[in-house]
C-alpha atoms as a PDB file:
ATOM      1  CA  MET A   1      -2.036  34.152  38.756  1.00  0.00           C
ATOM      2  CA  GLU A   2      -4.569  35.979  40.135  1.00  0.00           C
ATOM      3  CA  THR A   3      -7.165  34.223  42.411  1.00  0.00           C
ATOM      4  CA  THR A   4     -10.651  35.475  42.851  1.00  0.00           C
ATOM      5  CA  PRO A   5     -12.224  36.214  45.960  1.00  0.00           C
ATOM      6  CA  ILE A   6     -14.747  33.682  46.364  1.00  0.00           C
ATOM      7  CA  SER A   7     -17.733  34.474  49.074  1.00  0.00           C
ATOM      8  CA  TYR A   8     -21.051  32.330  49.662  1.00  0.00           C
ATOM      9  CA  PHE A   9     -24.433  33.550  49.928  1.00  0.00           C
ATOM     10  CA  PRO A  10     -26.030  33.728  53.142  1.00  0.00           C
ATOM     11  CA  LEU A  11     -29.361  31.799  53.831  1.00  0.00           C
ATOM     12  CA  LEU A  12     -31.899  33.629  51.899  1.00  0.00           C
ATOM     13  CA  LYS A  13     -35.224  33.555  52.126  1.00  0.00           C
ATOM     14  CA  ILE A  14     -36.868  31.306  49.346  1.00  0.00           C
ATOM     15  CA  ASP A  15     -40.393  31.660  48.137  1.00  0.00           C
ATOM     16  CA  ILE A  16     -41.421  29.426  45.538  1.00  0.00           C
ATOM     17  CA  SER A  17     -44.016  30.802  43.400  1.00  0.00           C
ATOM     18  CA  GLU A  18     -46.876  28.678  42.696  1.00  0.00           C
ATOM     19  CA  ARG A  19     -47.542  30.539  39.507  1.00  0.00           C
ATOM     20  CA  LEU A  20     -44.538  30.036  38.066  1.00  0.00           C
ATOM     21  CA  VAL A  21     -45.198  26.161  38.618  1.00  0.00           C
ATOM     22  CA  PHE A  22     -47.847  26.779  36.687  1.00  0.00           C
ATOM     23  CA  GLN A  23     -46.169  28.097  34.007  1.00  0.00           C
ATOM     24  CA  LEU A  24     -43.330  25.696  34.138  1.00  0.00           C
ATOM     25  CA  LEU A  25     -46.351  22.925  33.518  1.00  0.00           C
ATOM     26  CA  GLY A  26     -47.582  24.665  30.602  1.00  0.00           C
ATOM     27  CA  TYR A  27     -50.210  26.940  31.923  1.00  0.00           C
ATOM     28  CA  ARG A  28     -48.499  30.149  31.014  1.00  0.00           C
ATOM     29  CA  LYS A  29     -51.596  32.551  30.633  1.00  0.00           C
ATOM     30  CA  LYS A  30     -53.613  33.440  34.181  1.00  0.00           C
ATOM     31  CA  SER A  31     -56.767  33.201  31.982  1.00  0.00           C
ATOM     32  CA  ILE A  32     -56.280  29.580  31.729  1.00  0.00           C
ATOM     33  CA  VAL A  33     -57.919  27.279  34.187  1.00  0.00           C
ATOM     34  CA  VAL A  34     -55.741  24.841  35.835  1.00  0.00           C
ATOM     35  CA  PRO A  35     -57.654  21.882  36.425  1.00  0.00           C
ATOM     36  CA  GLU A  36     -58.152  21.068  40.392  1.00  0.00           C
ATOM     37  CA  LYS A  37     -56.684  17.989  40.334  1.00  0.00           C
ATOM     38  CA  ILE A  38     -53.087  19.657  39.293  1.00  0.00           C
ATOM     39  CA  ALA A  39     -54.062  22.755  41.312  1.00  0.00           C
ATOM     40  CA  VAL A  40     -54.170  20.554  44.261  1.00  0.00           C
ATOM     41  CA  ALA A  41     -51.504  18.061  43.779  1.00  0.00           C
ATOM     42  CA  VAL A  42     -49.075  21.466  42.904  1.00  0.00           C
ATOM     43  CA  LYS A  43     -49.921  22.720  46.459  1.00  0.00           C
ATOM     44  CA  ALA A  44     -49.336  19.918  48.081  1.00  0.00           C
ATOM     45  CA  GLU A  45     -45.933  19.231  46.162  1.00  0.00           C
ATOM     46  CA  LEU A  46     -45.043  23.067  46.784  1.00  0.00           C
ATOM     47  CA  GLU A  47     -45.775  22.836  50.586  1.00  0.00           C
ATOM     48  CA  LEU A  48     -43.133  19.211  50.445  1.00  0.00           C
ATOM     49  CA  GLY A  49     -40.941  21.458  48.062  1.00  0.00           C
ATOM     50  CA  ARG A  50     -40.377  24.221  50.844  1.00  0.00           C
ATOM     51  CA  ARG A  51     -39.083  22.047  53.130  1.00  0.00           C
ATOM     52  CA  LEU A  52     -36.918  20.099  50.868  1.00  0.00           C
ATOM     53  CA  LEU A  53     -35.224  23.302  49.784  1.00  0.00           C
ATOM     54  CA  ARG A  54     -31.378  23.490  50.587  1.00  0.00           C
ATOM     55  CA  PHE A  55     -30.218  26.690  49.257  1.00  0.00           C
ATOM     56  CA  LYS A  56     -26.463  26.969  48.697  1.00  0.00           C
ATOM     57  CA  GLY A  57     -24.749  29.521  46.362  1.00  0.00           C
ATOM     58  CA  VAL A  58     -21.431  31.077  45.496  1.00  0.00           C
ATOM     59  CA  TYR A  59     -20.048  34.115  43.742  1.00  0.00           C
ATOM     60  CA  GLY A  60     -17.126  35.495  42.777  1.00  0.00           C
ATOM     61  CA  ILE A  61     -16.660  39.006  41.688  1.00  0.00           C
ATOM     62  CA  CYS A  62     -14.017  40.295  39.131  1.00  0.00           C
ATOM     63  CA  ASP A  63     -12.539  43.443  37.094  1.00  0.00           C
ATOM     64  CA  THR A  64     -13.089  43.199  33.396  1.00  0.00           C
ATOM     65  CA  LYS A  65     -10.235  42.786  30.937  1.00  0.00           C
ATOM     66  CA  TYR A  66     -10.205  42.003  27.541  1.00  0.00           C
ATOM     67  CA  GLU A  67      -7.812  40.110  25.239  1.00  0.00           C
ATOM     68  CA  ASN A  68      -8.368  39.543  21.671  1.00  0.00           C
ATOM     69  CA  GLY A  69     -11.973  40.038  21.614  1.00  0.00           C
ATOM     70  CA  ASP A  70     -12.536  37.660  24.684  1.00  0.00           C
ATOM     71  CA  LEU A  71     -13.391  38.546  28.451  1.00  0.00           C
ATOM     72  CA  LEU A  72     -10.269  37.414  30.662  1.00  0.00           C
ATOM     73  CA  LEU A  73     -11.158  37.106  34.445  1.00  0.00           C
ATOM     74  CA  ASN A  74      -8.130  36.876  36.657  1.00  0.00           C
ATOM     75  CA  ASN A  75      -6.090  35.949  33.861  1.00  0.00           C
ATOM     76  CA  ARG A  76      -7.213  32.554  33.798  1.00  0.00           C
ATOM     77  CA  TYR A  77     -10.983  32.092  33.007  1.00  0.00           C
ATOM     78  CA  ARG A  78     -11.556  33.189  29.295  1.00  0.00           C
ATOM     79  CA  ILE A  79     -15.265  33.818  28.400  1.00  0.00           C
ATOM     80  CA  THR A  80     -15.664  33.978  24.320  1.00  0.00           C
ATOM     81  CA  SER A  81     -19.285  34.101  23.794  1.00  0.00           C
ATOM     82  CA  ARG A  82     -20.021  37.491  22.079  1.00  0.00           C
ATOM     83  CA  LYS A  83     -23.655  37.933  23.273  1.00  0.00           C
ATOM     84  CA  PHE A  84     -22.661  38.105  26.864  1.00  0.00           C
ATOM     85  CA  ILE A  85     -19.024  40.373  26.032  1.00  0.00           C
ATOM     86  CA  GLU A  86     -21.867  42.706  24.215  1.00  0.00           C
ATOM     87  CA  ARG A  87     -24.137  42.991  27.086  1.00  0.00           C
ATOM     88  CA  VAL A  88     -21.392  43.920  29.533  1.00  0.00           C
ATOM     89  CA  ARG A  89     -19.123  45.726  27.244  1.00  0.00           C
ATOM     90  CA  GLU A  90     -19.656  48.759  29.387  1.00  0.00           C
ATOM     91  CA  CYS A  91     -19.424  47.110  32.573  1.00  0.00           C
ATOM     92  CA  GLU A  92     -16.623  47.665  34.979  1.00  0.00           C
ATOM     93  CA  LYS A  93     -16.932  44.376  36.808  1.00  0.00           C
ATOM     94  CA  ILE A  94     -18.305  40.727  36.335  1.00  0.00           C
ATOM     95  CA  CYS A  95     -19.984  38.524  38.738  1.00  0.00           C
ATOM     96  CA  LEU A  96     -20.397  34.971  38.064  1.00  0.00           C
ATOM     97  CA  PHE A  97     -22.486  32.947  40.520  1.00  0.00           C
ATOM     98  CA  ALA A  98     -23.853  29.601  41.296  1.00  0.00           C
ATOM     99  CA  VAL A  99     -26.766  28.453  43.278  1.00  0.00           C
ATOM    100  CA  THR A 100     -28.525  25.096  43.776  1.00  0.00           C
ATOM    101  CA  ALA A 101     -31.987  24.256  45.495  1.00  0.00           C
ATOM    102  CA  GLY A 102     -30.287  20.997  46.469  1.00  0.00           C
ATOM    103  CA  LYS A 103     -30.440  17.533  45.355  1.00  0.00           C
ATOM    104  CA  LEU A 104     -33.528  16.224  47.210  1.00  0.00           C
ATOM    105  CA  TYR A 105     -35.705  17.423  44.320  1.00  0.00           C
ATOM    106  CA  SER A 106     -34.206  15.179  41.630  1.00  0.00           C
ATOM    107  CA  ASP A 107     -34.244  12.414  44.002  1.00  0.00           C
ATOM    108  CA  ARG A 108     -38.067  12.871  44.753  1.00  0.00           C
ATOM    109  CA  SER A 109     -38.923  13.097  41.027  1.00  0.00           C
ATOM    110  CA  SER A 110     -36.895  10.082  40.128  1.00  0.00           C
ATOM    111  CA  GLN A 111     -38.654   7.844  43.036  1.00  0.00           C
ATOM    112  CA  LEU A 112     -41.997   9.040  41.883  1.00  0.00           C
ATOM    113  CA  LEU A 113     -41.189   8.063  38.212  1.00  0.00           C
ATOM    114  CA  LYS A 114     -39.958   4.521  39.748  1.00  0.00           C
ATOM    115  CA  ALA A 115     -43.025   4.398  41.303  1.00  0.00           C
ATOM    116  CA  GLY A 116     -45.149   4.907  38.405  1.00  0.00           C
ATOM    117  CA  GLU A 117     -46.468   8.283  39.576  1.00  0.00           C
ATOM    118  CA  THR A 118     -45.651  10.091  36.396  1.00  0.00           C
ATOM    119  CA  LEU A 119     -48.247  12.880  37.135  1.00  0.00           C
ATOM    120  CA  LYS A 120     -46.679  13.353  40.609  1.00  0.00           C
ATOM    121  CA  ALA A 121     -43.395  13.222  39.474  1.00  0.00           C
ATOM    122  CA  LEU A 122     -43.639  15.850  36.425  1.00  0.00           C
ATOM    123  CA  ILE A 123     -44.856  18.209  39.038  1.00  0.00           C
ATOM    124  CA  ALA A 124     -42.285  17.609  41.410  1.00  0.00           C
ATOM    125  CA  ASP A 125     -39.812  18.170  38.599  1.00  0.00           C
ATOM    126  CA  ALA A 126     -41.498  21.434  37.805  1.00  0.00           C
ATOM    127  CA  VAL A 127     -41.435  22.697  41.507  1.00  0.00           C
ATOM    128  CA  GLY A 128     -37.581  21.871  41.858  1.00  0.00           C
ATOM    129  CA  SER A 129     -36.995  23.758  38.559  1.00  0.00           C
ATOM    130  CA  ALA A 130     -39.122  27.013  40.082  1.00  0.00           C
ATOM    131  CA  ALA A 131     -36.993  26.302  43.200  1.00  0.00           C
ATOM    132  CA  ALA A 132     -33.530  26.852  41.187  1.00  0.00           C
ATOM    133  CA  GLU A 133     -34.978  29.872  39.414  1.00  0.00           C
ATOM    134  CA  THR A 134     -36.064  31.547  42.588  1.00  0.00           C
ATOM    135  CA  CYS A 135     -32.581  30.630  44.258  1.00  0.00           C
ATOM    136  CA  ALA A 136     -31.173  32.493  41.315  1.00  0.00           C
ATOM    137  CA  GLU A 137     -33.629  35.649  41.224  1.00  0.00           C
ATOM    138  CA  ILE A 138     -33.081  36.134  45.212  1.00  0.00           C
ATOM    139  CA  ALA A 139     -29.292  35.817  44.845  1.00  0.00           C
ATOM    140  CA  ASN A 140     -29.293  38.171  41.618  1.00  0.00           C
ATOM    141  CA  LYS A 141     -31.428  40.349  44.416  1.00  0.00           C
ATOM    142  CA  HIS A 142     -28.965  40.015  47.034  1.00  0.00           C
ATOM    143  CA  LEU A 143     -25.587  41.155  44.507  1.00  0.00           C
ATOM    144  CA  LEU A 144     -27.742  44.087  43.674  1.00  0.00           C
ATOM    145  CA  GLU A 145     -28.153  44.909  47.606  1.00  0.00           C
ATOM    146  CA  ILE A 146     -24.404  44.361  48.532  1.00  0.00           C
ATOM    147  CA  ASN A 147     -22.937  46.050  45.243  1.00  0.00           C
ATOM    148  CA  THR A 148     -24.459  49.937  46.197  1.00  0.00           C
ATOM    149  CA  GLY A 149     -23.906  52.373  43.389  1.00  0.00           C
ATOM    150  CA  TYR A 150     -23.844  49.734  40.525  1.00  0.00           C
ATOM    151  CA  LYS A 151     -26.629  48.380  38.261  1.00  0.00           C
ATOM    152  CA  LEU A 152     -26.741  44.815  37.242  1.00  0.00           C
ATOM    153  CA  THR A 153     -27.257  43.266  33.513  1.00  0.00           C
ATOM    154  CA  LYS A 154     -29.588  41.008  33.172  1.00  0.00           C
ATOM    155  CA  ARG A 155     -28.273  37.488  33.651  1.00  0.00           C
ATOM    156  CA  PHE A 156     -26.626  35.267  31.171  1.00  0.00           C
ATOM    157  CA  SER A 157     -25.692  31.806  31.343  1.00  0.00           C
ATOM    158  CA  PRO A 158     -23.727  28.828  30.047  1.00  0.00           C
ATOM    159  CA  GLY A 159     -26.286  27.224  27.736  1.00  0.00           C
ATOM    160  CA  TYR A 160     -27.482  30.604  26.299  1.00  0.00           C
ATOM    161  CA  GLY A 161     -26.990  32.155  22.869  1.00  0.00           C
ATOM    162  CA  ASP A 162     -23.316  31.443  21.914  1.00  0.00           C
ATOM    163  CA  TRP A 163     -22.108  30.674  25.232  1.00  0.00           C
ATOM    164  CA  LYS A 164     -21.675  26.735  25.042  1.00  0.00           C
ATOM    165  CA  VAL A 165     -23.249  24.722  27.992  1.00  0.00           C
ATOM    166  CA  GLU A 166     -20.031  22.878  28.353  1.00  0.00           C
ATOM    167  CA  ASP A 167     -18.188  25.753  29.575  1.00  0.00           C
ATOM    168  CA  ASN A 168     -20.163  25.114  32.966  1.00  0.00           C
ATOM    169  CA  VAL A 169     -16.881  23.080  33.848  1.00  0.00           C
ATOM    170  CA  ASN A 170     -14.582  25.862  33.621  1.00  0.00           C
ATOM    171  CA  PHE A 171     -17.479  28.151  34.968  1.00  0.00           C
ATOM    172  CA  LEU A 172     -18.115  26.050  38.137  1.00  0.00           C
ATOM    173  CA  ARG A 173     -14.433  25.294  38.563  1.00  0.00           C
ATOM    174  CA  PHE A 174     -13.332  28.843  38.871  1.00  0.00           C
ATOM    175  CA  LEU A 175     -16.010  29.400  41.235  1.00  0.00           C
ATOM    176  CA  GLU A 176     -14.860  26.144  43.377  1.00  0.00           C
ATOM    177  CA  ALA A 177     -18.511  25.219  43.306  1.00  0.00           C
ATOM    178  CA  ASP A 178     -17.097  21.973  44.318  1.00  0.00           C
ATOM    179  CA  LYS A 179     -16.954  23.284  47.986  1.00  0.00           C
ATOM    180  CA  ILE A 180     -20.720  23.852  48.193  1.00  0.00           C
ATOM    181  CA  GLY A 181     -21.480  20.028  46.637  1.00  0.00           C
ATOM    182  CA  MET A 182     -22.038  21.391  42.773  1.00  0.00           C
ATOM    183  CA  THR A 183     -20.534  19.394  40.132  1.00  0.00           C
ATOM    184  CA  VAL A 184     -20.551  18.889  36.329  1.00  0.00           C
ATOM    185  CA  ASN A 185     -19.786  16.552  33.956  1.00  0.00           C
ATOM    186  CA  GLU A 186     -18.171  16.948  30.516  1.00  0.00           C
ATOM    187  CA  GLY A 187     -21.064  17.703  28.627  1.00  0.00           C
ATOM    188  CA  GLY A 188     -21.893  20.978  31.041  1.00  0.00           C
ATOM    189  CA  LEU A 189     -25.060  19.306  32.896  1.00  0.00           C
ATOM    190  CA  MET A 190     -24.773  20.228  36.483  1.00  0.00           C
ATOM    191  CA  GLN A 191     -25.434  18.255  39.539  1.00  0.00           C
ATOM    192  CA  PRO A 192     -27.631  18.604  41.481  1.00  0.00           C
ATOM    193  CA  GLU A 193     -30.024  19.302  38.664  1.00  0.00           C
ATOM    194  CA  LYS A 194     -31.935  21.994  40.193  1.00  0.00           C
ATOM    195  CA  SER A 195     -29.124  24.574  39.879  1.00  0.00           C
ATOM    196  CA  VAL A 196     -28.157  27.655  38.282  1.00  0.00           C
ATOM    197  CA  SER A 197     -24.982  29.252  36.755  1.00  0.00           C
ATOM    198  CA  ALA A 198     -25.020  32.660  35.680  1.00  0.00           C
ATOM    199  CA  ALA A 199     -22.840  36.094  35.007  1.00  0.00           C
ATOM    200  CA  VAL A 200     -24.060  39.572  35.407  1.00  0.00           C
ATOM    201  CA  GLY A 201     -22.147  42.818  34.562  1.00  0.00           C
ATOM    202  CA  LEU A 202     -21.649  45.693  37.004  1.00  0.00           C
ATOM    203  CA  LYS A 203     -21.888  49.038  35.734  1.00  0.00           C
ATOM    204  CA  THR A 204     -21.420  52.435  37.835  1.00  0.00           C
ATOM    205  CA  ILE A 205     -24.201  54.255  38.529  1.00  0.00           C
ATOM    206  CA  HIS A 206     -23.332  57.926  37.189  1.00  0.00           C
ATOM    207  CA  LYS A 207     -25.593  60.677  39.272  1.00  0.00           C
ATOM    208  CA  ASP A 208     -25.950  64.080  37.201  1.00  0.00           C
ATOM    209  CA  GLY A 209     -24.266  67.041  38.784  1.00  0.00           C
END
């Protein structure tokens, strides 16, 4: 059985976007005026959130191999999502990665809810989700930088389209994500909650001439 070389992301600089937090709170259009109470609370939570962030991430890059229409990675992880397979059909390699912003975000949101601070809990949860998404975006950018000569497809994750979220169990096991403190239940829900699992295809950039 083939083994996958597992690598760990360095400590990347993560800058959580205030705009993304507002979007997650429902203020999706820039033209919408955010109430001052919300804007002040978001700013305060962001300042705290940046201190709470505990970025960790792991990735593995595999050659593509197809078997009975499925994508088989290193003869031990089978991906059956037709939508993902179609997306990476012309790629030479596949990269799986998992990143987390840490469990402190989820803990804070839960604590605020127990204290009856519903609005602050909602904002803390949005900041945590924005942090996780930003971790994934920065990780994706790092993968592009270290894989010179390739272009990357858009991210695709268990839970998208026809890729069942329950497959996070196999996804994280394949990456040995427990070594960075990431676990998953049988339903595919990850812990820490503010985490992202994703896959991208790597396709060689061909230069004319």
